[in-house]
PDB file of N, CA and C in Angstrom:
ATOM      1  N   MET A   1     -16.036 -39.276 253.783  1.00  0.00           N
ATOM      2  CA  MET A   1     -16.657 -38.293 254.652  1.00  0.00           C
ATOM      3  C   MET A   1     -16.392 -36.888 254.094  1.00  0.00           C
ATOM      4  N   ASN A   2     -17.379 -36.040 254.210  1.00  0.00           N
ATOM      5  CA  ASN A   2     -17.287 -34.677 253.695  1.00  0.00           C
ATOM      6  C   ASN A   2     -16.497 -33.801 254.672  1.00  0.00           C
ATOM      7  N   GLU A   3     -15.506 -33.113 254.153  1.00  0.00           N
ATOM      8  CA  GLU A   3     -14.674 -32.235 254.977  1.00  0.00           C
ATOM      9  C   GLU A   3     -15.441 -30.978 255.372  1.00  0.00           C
ATOM     10  N   VAL A   4     -15.290 -30.561 256.618  1.00  0.00           N
ATOM     11  CA  VAL A   4     -15.926 -29.350 257.115  1.00  0.00           C
ATOM     12  C   VAL A   4     -14.866 -28.261 257.218  1.00  0.00           C
ATOM     13  N   LEU A   5     -15.181 -27.085 256.663  1.00  0.00           N
ATOM     14  CA  LEU A   5     -14.246 -25.967 256.617  1.00  0.00           C
ATOM     15  C   LEU A   5     -14.725 -24.823 257.496  1.00  0.00           C
ATOM     16  N   THR A   6     -13.777 -24.028 257.971  1.00  0.00           N
ATOM     17  CA  THR A   6     -14.097 -22.813 258.718  1.00  0.00           C
ATOM     18  C   THR A   6     -14.273 -21.654 257.739  1.00  0.00           C
ATOM     19  N   LEU A   7     -14.734 -20.539 258.240  1.00  0.00           N
ATOM     20  CA  LEU A   7     -14.890 -19.344 257.413  1.00  0.00           C
ATOM     21  C   LEU A   7     -13.541 -18.924 256.816  1.00  0.00           C
ATOM     22  N   TRP A   8     -12.490 -18.985 257.620  1.00  0.00           N
ATOM     23  CA  TRP A   8     -11.145 -18.619 257.144  1.00  0.00           C
ATOM     24  C   TRP A   8     -10.694 -19.543 256.019  1.00  0.00           C
ATOM     25  N   GLU A   9     -10.957 -20.843 256.167  1.00  0.00           N
ATOM     26  CA  GLU A   9     -10.553 -21.823 255.156  1.00  0.00           C
ATOM     27  C   GLU A   9     -11.322 -21.620 253.855  1.00  0.00           C
ATOM     28  N   VAL A  10     -12.604 -21.301 253.958  1.00  0.00           N
ATOM     29  CA  VAL A  10     -13.403 -21.042 252.756  1.00  0.00           C
ATOM     30  C   VAL A  10     -12.910 -19.780 252.056  1.00  0.00           C
ATOM     31  N   ALA A  11     -12.616 -18.749 252.813  1.00  0.00           N
ATOM     32  CA  ALA A  11     -12.090 -17.514 252.229  1.00  0.00           C
ATOM     33  C   ALA A  11     -10.787 -17.800 251.483  1.00  0.00           C
ATOM     34  N   ASP A  12      -9.928 -18.594 252.064  1.00  0.00           N
ATOM     35  CA  ASP A  12      -8.664 -18.951 251.433  1.00  0.00           C
ATOM     36  C   ASP A  12      -8.912 -19.794 250.182  1.00  0.00           C
ATOM     37  N   PHE A  13      -9.816 -20.755 250.285  1.00  0.00           N
ATOM     38  CA  PHE A  13     -10.144 -21.638 249.163  1.00  0.00           C
ATOM     39  C   PHE A  13     -10.703 -20.845 247.975  1.00  0.00           C
ATOM     40  N   LEU A  14     -11.594 -19.889 248.257  1.00  0.00           N
ATOM     41  CA  LEU A  14     -12.223 -19.099 247.192  1.00  0.00           C
ATOM     42  C   LEU A  14     -11.386 -17.881 246.785  1.00  0.00           C
ATOM     43  N   LYS A  15     -10.318 -17.606 247.541  1.00  0.00           N
ATOM     44  CA  LYS A  15      -9.438 -16.457 247.275  1.00  0.00           C
ATOM     45  C   LYS A  15     -10.208 -15.138 247.383  1.00  0.00           C
ATOM     46  N   ILE A  16     -11.027 -15.055 248.439  1.00  0.00           N
ATOM     47  CA  ILE A  16     -11.771 -13.830 248.715  1.00  0.00           C
ATOM     48  C   ILE A  16     -11.588 -13.473 250.192  1.00  0.00           C
ATOM     49  N   HIS A  17     -11.948 -12.252 250.549  1.00  0.00           N
ATOM     50  CA  HIS A  17     -11.794 -11.789 251.923  1.00  0.00           C
ATOM     51  C   HIS A  17     -12.839 -12.447 252.820  1.00  0.00           C
ATOM     52  N   ARG A  18     -12.489 -12.601 254.082  1.00  0.00           N
ATOM     53  CA  ARG A  18     -13.406 -13.209 255.051  1.00  0.00           C
ATOM     54  C   ARG A  18     -14.725 -12.458 255.145  1.00  0.00           C
ATOM     55  N   SER A  19     -14.686 -11.133 255.053  1.00  0.00           N
ATOM     56  CA  SER A  19     -15.925 -10.359 255.144  1.00  0.00           C
ATOM     57  C   SER A  19     -16.838 -10.637 253.945  1.00  0.00           C
ATOM     58  N   THR A  20     -16.261 -10.963 252.804  1.00  0.00           N
ATOM     59  CA  THR A  20     -17.057 -11.314 251.622  1.00  0.00           C
ATOM     60  C   THR A  20     -17.753 -12.652 251.854  1.00  0.00           C
ATOM     61  N   VAL A  21     -17.055 -13.612 252.442  1.00  0.00           N
ATOM     62  CA  VAL A  21     -17.668 -14.906 252.762  1.00  0.00           C
ATOM     63  C   VAL A  21     -18.825 -14.683 253.732  1.00  0.00           C
ATOM     64  N   TYR A  22     -18.597 -13.910 254.766  1.00  0.00           N
ATOM     65  CA  TYR A  22     -19.628 -13.630 255.762  1.00  0.00           C
ATOM     66  C   TYR A  22     -20.845 -12.972 255.114  1.00  0.00           C
ATOM     67  N   ARG A  23     -20.611 -12.008 254.227  1.00  0.00           N
ATOM     68  CA  ARG A  23     -21.707 -11.316 253.543  1.00  0.00           C
ATOM     69  C   ARG A  23     -22.508 -12.295 252.677  1.00  0.00           C
ATOM     70  N   LEU A  24     -21.830 -13.188 251.944  1.00  0.00           N
ATOM     71  CA  LEU A  24     -22.519 -14.179 251.116  1.00  0.00           C
ATOM     72  C   LEU A  24     -23.361 -15.131 251.966  1.00  0.00           C
ATOM     73  N   VAL A  25     -22.838 -15.499 253.122  1.00  0.00           N
ATOM     74  CA  VAL A  25     -23.583 -16.376 254.039  1.00  0.00           C
ATOM     75  C   VAL A  25     -24.819 -15.661 254.557  1.00  0.00           C
ATOM     76  N   LYS A  26     -24.655 -14.427 254.994  1.00  0.00           N
ATOM     77  CA  LYS A  26     -25.781 -13.662 255.542  1.00  0.00           C
ATOM     78  C   LYS A  26     -26.894 -13.465 254.508  1.00  0.00           C
ATOM     79  N   ARG A  27     -26.520 -13.331 253.229  1.00  0.00           N
ATOM     80  CA  ARG A  27     -27.504 -13.184 252.150  1.00  0.00           C
ATOM     81  C   ARG A  27     -28.142 -14.513 251.760  1.00  0.00           C
ATOM     82  N   GLY A  28     -27.607 -15.609 252.273  1.00  0.00           N
ATOM     83  CA  GLY A  28     -28.124 -16.931 251.925  1.00  0.00           C
ATOM     84  C   GLY A  28     -27.612 -17.433 250.592  1.00  0.00           C
ATOM     85  N   GLU A  29     -26.565 -16.825 250.069  1.00  0.00           N
ATOM     86  CA  GLU A  29     -26.022 -17.213 248.767  1.00  0.00           C
ATOM     87  C   GLU A  29     -25.013 -18.353 248.862  1.00  0.00           C
ATOM     88  N   LEU A  30     -24.360 -18.478 249.986  1.00  0.00           N
ATOM     89  CA  LEU A  30     -23.326 -19.493 250.176  1.00  0.00           C
ATOM     90  C   LEU A  30     -23.831 -20.513 251.196  1.00  0.00           C
ATOM     91  N   PRO A  31     -23.796 -21.810 250.853  1.00  0.00           N
ATOM     92  CA  PRO A  31     -24.304 -22.829 251.783  1.00  0.00           C
ATOM     93  C   PRO A  31     -23.413 -22.951 253.016  1.00  0.00           C
ATOM     94  N   ALA A  32     -24.019 -22.842 254.184  1.00  0.00           N
ATOM     95  CA  ALA A  32     -23.269 -22.890 255.447  1.00  0.00           C
ATOM     96  C   ALA A  32     -24.186 -23.336 256.568  1.00  0.00           C
ATOM     97  N   PHE A  33     -23.575 -23.675 257.688  1.00  0.00           N
ATOM     98  CA  PHE A  33     -24.338 -23.990 258.892  1.00  0.00           C
ATOM     99  C   PHE A  33     -23.553 -23.481 260.093  1.00  0.00           C
ATOM    100  N   ARG A  34     -24.255 -23.337 261.200  1.00  0.00           N
ATOM    101  CA  ARG A  34     -23.629 -22.792 262.402  1.00  0.00           C
ATOM    102  C   ARG A  34     -23.324 -23.894 263.403  1.00  0.00           C
ATOM    103  N   VAL A  35     -22.187 -23.722 264.057  1.00  0.00           N
ATOM    104  CA  VAL A  35     -21.820 -24.530 265.208  1.00  0.00           C
ATOM    105  C   VAL A  35     -21.574 -23.510 266.315  1.00  0.00           C
ATOM    106  N   GLY A  36     -22.538 -23.379 267.180  1.00  0.00           N
ATOM    107  CA  GLY A  36     -22.481 -22.307 268.183  1.00  0.00           C
ATOM    108  C   GLY A  36     -22.608 -20.968 267.477  1.00  0.00           C
ATOM    109  N   THR A  37     -21.589 -20.145 267.623  1.00  0.00           N
ATOM    110  CA  THR A  37     -21.610 -18.834 266.963  1.00  0.00           C
ATOM    111  C   THR A  37     -20.751 -18.806 265.703  1.00  0.00           C
ATOM    112  N   ASP A  38     -20.108 -19.923 265.394  1.00  0.00           N
ATOM    113  CA  ASP A  38     -19.200 -19.989 264.242  1.00  0.00           C
ATOM    114  C   ASP A  38     -19.863 -20.617 263.026  1.00  0.00           C
ATOM    115  N   TRP A  39     -19.510 -20.111 261.851  1.00  0.00           N
ATOM    116  CA  TRP A  39     -20.002 -20.672 260.605  1.00  0.00           C
ATOM    117  C   TRP A  39     -19.093 -21.807 260.159  1.00  0.00           C
ATOM    118  N   ARG A  40     -19.702 -22.859 259.613  1.00  0.00           N
ATOM    119  CA  ARG A  40     -18.973 -23.991 259.047  1.00  0.00           C
ATOM    120  C   ARG A  40     -19.540 -24.285 257.669  1.00  0.00           C
ATOM    121  N   PHE A  41     -18.717 -24.922 256.853  1.00  0.00           N
ATOM    122  CA  PHE A  41     -19.057 -25.164 255.454  1.00  0.00           C
ATOM    123  C   PHE A  41     -18.648 -26.573 255.059  1.00  0.00           C
ATOM    124  N   ASN A  42     -19.524 -27.270 254.337  1.00  0.00           N
ATOM    125  CA  ASN A  42     -19.158 -28.560 253.773  1.00  0.00           C
ATOM    126  C   ASN A  42     -18.386 -28.299 252.487  1.00  0.00           C
ATOM    127  N   ARG A  43     -17.192 -28.871 252.380  1.00  0.00           N
ATOM    128  CA  ARG A  43     -16.344 -28.633 251.208  1.00  0.00           C
ATOM    129  C   ARG A  43     -17.072 -29.003 249.906  1.00  0.00           C
ATOM    130  N   THR A  44     -17.773 -30.125 249.902  1.00  0.00           N
ATOM    131  CA  THR A  44     -18.496 -30.556 248.709  1.00  0.00           C
ATOM    132  C   THR A  44     -19.561 -29.538 248.313  1.00  0.00           C
ATOM    133  N   SER A  45     -20.274 -28.988 249.295  1.00  0.00           N
ATOM    134  CA  SER A  45     -21.298 -27.979 249.011  1.00  0.00           C
ATOM    135  C   SER A  45     -20.682 -26.710 248.436  1.00  0.00           C
ATOM    136  N   ILE A  46     -19.521 -26.317 248.948  1.00  0.00           N
ATOM    137  CA  ILE A  46     -18.839 -25.128 248.438  1.00  0.00           C
ATOM    138  C   ILE A  46     -18.356 -25.375 247.004  1.00  0.00           C
ATOM    139  N   GLU A  47     -17.803 -26.555 246.736  1.00  0.00           N
ATOM    140  CA  GLU A  47     -17.359 -26.881 245.378  1.00  0.00           C
ATOM    141  C   GLU A  47     -18.536 -26.897 244.405  1.00  0.00           C
ATOM    142  N   ASP A  48     -19.673 -27.469 244.836  1.00  0.00           N
ATOM    143  CA  ASP A  48     -20.881 -27.487 243.993  1.00  0.00           C
ATOM    144  C   ASP A  48     -21.382 -26.070 243.743  1.00  0.00           C
ATOM    145  N   TRP A  49     -21.380 -25.240 244.785  1.00  0.00           N
ATOM    146  CA  TRP A  49     -21.799 -23.847 244.658  1.00  0.00           C
ATOM    147  C   TRP A  49     -20.911 -23.120 243.654  1.00  0.00           C
ATOM    148  N   LEU A  50     -19.617 -23.349 243.744  1.00  0.00           N
ATOM    149  CA  LEU A  50     -18.666 -22.704 242.844  1.00  0.00           C
ATOM    150  C   LEU A  50     -18.909 -23.134 241.398  1.00  0.00           C
ATOM    151  N   LYS A  51     -19.115 -24.431 241.178  1.00  0.00           N
ATOM    152  CA  LYS A  51     -19.393 -24.942 239.823  1.00  0.00           C
ATOM    153  C   LYS A  51     -20.668 -24.339 239.258  1.00  0.00           C
ATOM    154  N   SER A  52     -21.676 -24.162 240.095  1.00  0.00           N
ATOM    155  CA  SER A  52     -22.954 -23.620 239.632  1.00  0.00           C
ATOM    156  C   SER A  52     -22.840 -22.154 239.216  1.00  0.00           C
ATOM    157  N   ARG A  53     -21.817 -21.470 239.705  1.00  0.00           N
ATOM    158  CA  ARG A  53     -21.627 -20.048 239.393  1.00  0.00           C
ATOM    159  C   ARG A  53     -20.685 -19.813 238.220  1.00  0.00           C
ATOM    160  N   MET A  54     -20.049 -20.878 237.733  1.00  0.00           N
ATOM    161  CA  MET A  54     -19.122 -20.736 236.608  1.00  0.00           C
ATOM    162  C   MET A  54     -19.903 -20.574 235.321  1.00  0.00           C
ATOM    163  N   ARG A  55     -19.371 -19.747 234.463  1.00  0.00           N
ATOM    164  CA  ARG A  55     -20.009 -19.502 233.164  1.00  0.00           C
ATOM    165  C   ARG A  55     -19.084 -19.967 232.051  1.00  0.00           C
ATOM    166  N   VAL A  56     -19.689 -20.500 231.023  1.00  0.00           N
ATOM    167  CA  VAL A  56     -18.924 -20.930 229.846  1.00  0.00           C
ATOM    168  C   VAL A  56     -18.673 -19.692 228.988  1.00  0.00           C
ATOM    169  N   PRO A  57     -17.429 -19.470 228.572  1.00  0.00           N
ATOM    170  CA  PRO A  57     -17.149 -18.286 227.727  1.00  0.00           C
ATOM    171  C   PRO A  57     -17.946 -18.342 226.425  1.00  0.00           C
ATOM    172  N   GLN A  58     -18.477 -17.190 226.051  1.00  0.00           N
ATOM    173  CA  GLN A  58     -19.221 -17.121 224.797  1.00  0.00           C
ATOM    174  C   GLN A  58     -18.260 -16.947 223.645  1.00  0.00           C
ATOM    175  N   GLU A  59     -18.577 -17.588 222.535  1.00  0.00           N
ATOM    176  CA  GLU A  59     -17.703 -17.502 221.353  1.00  0.00           C
ATOM    177  C   GLU A  59     -17.996 -16.288 220.528  1.00  0.00           C
TER     178      GLU A  59
END
């Protein structure tokens, strides 16, 4: 089963501020869904998003 994370947990996981997570969600850049007024995140989707943003160092 896919783990569901809160905004605080995602901020901690990505090592960024909560307001940065919120801004990325509002821009549609970070995959998320709402439960009432709170944002939730599938851990697998966040890991996939992170991998897609990684760049290979140029030689």
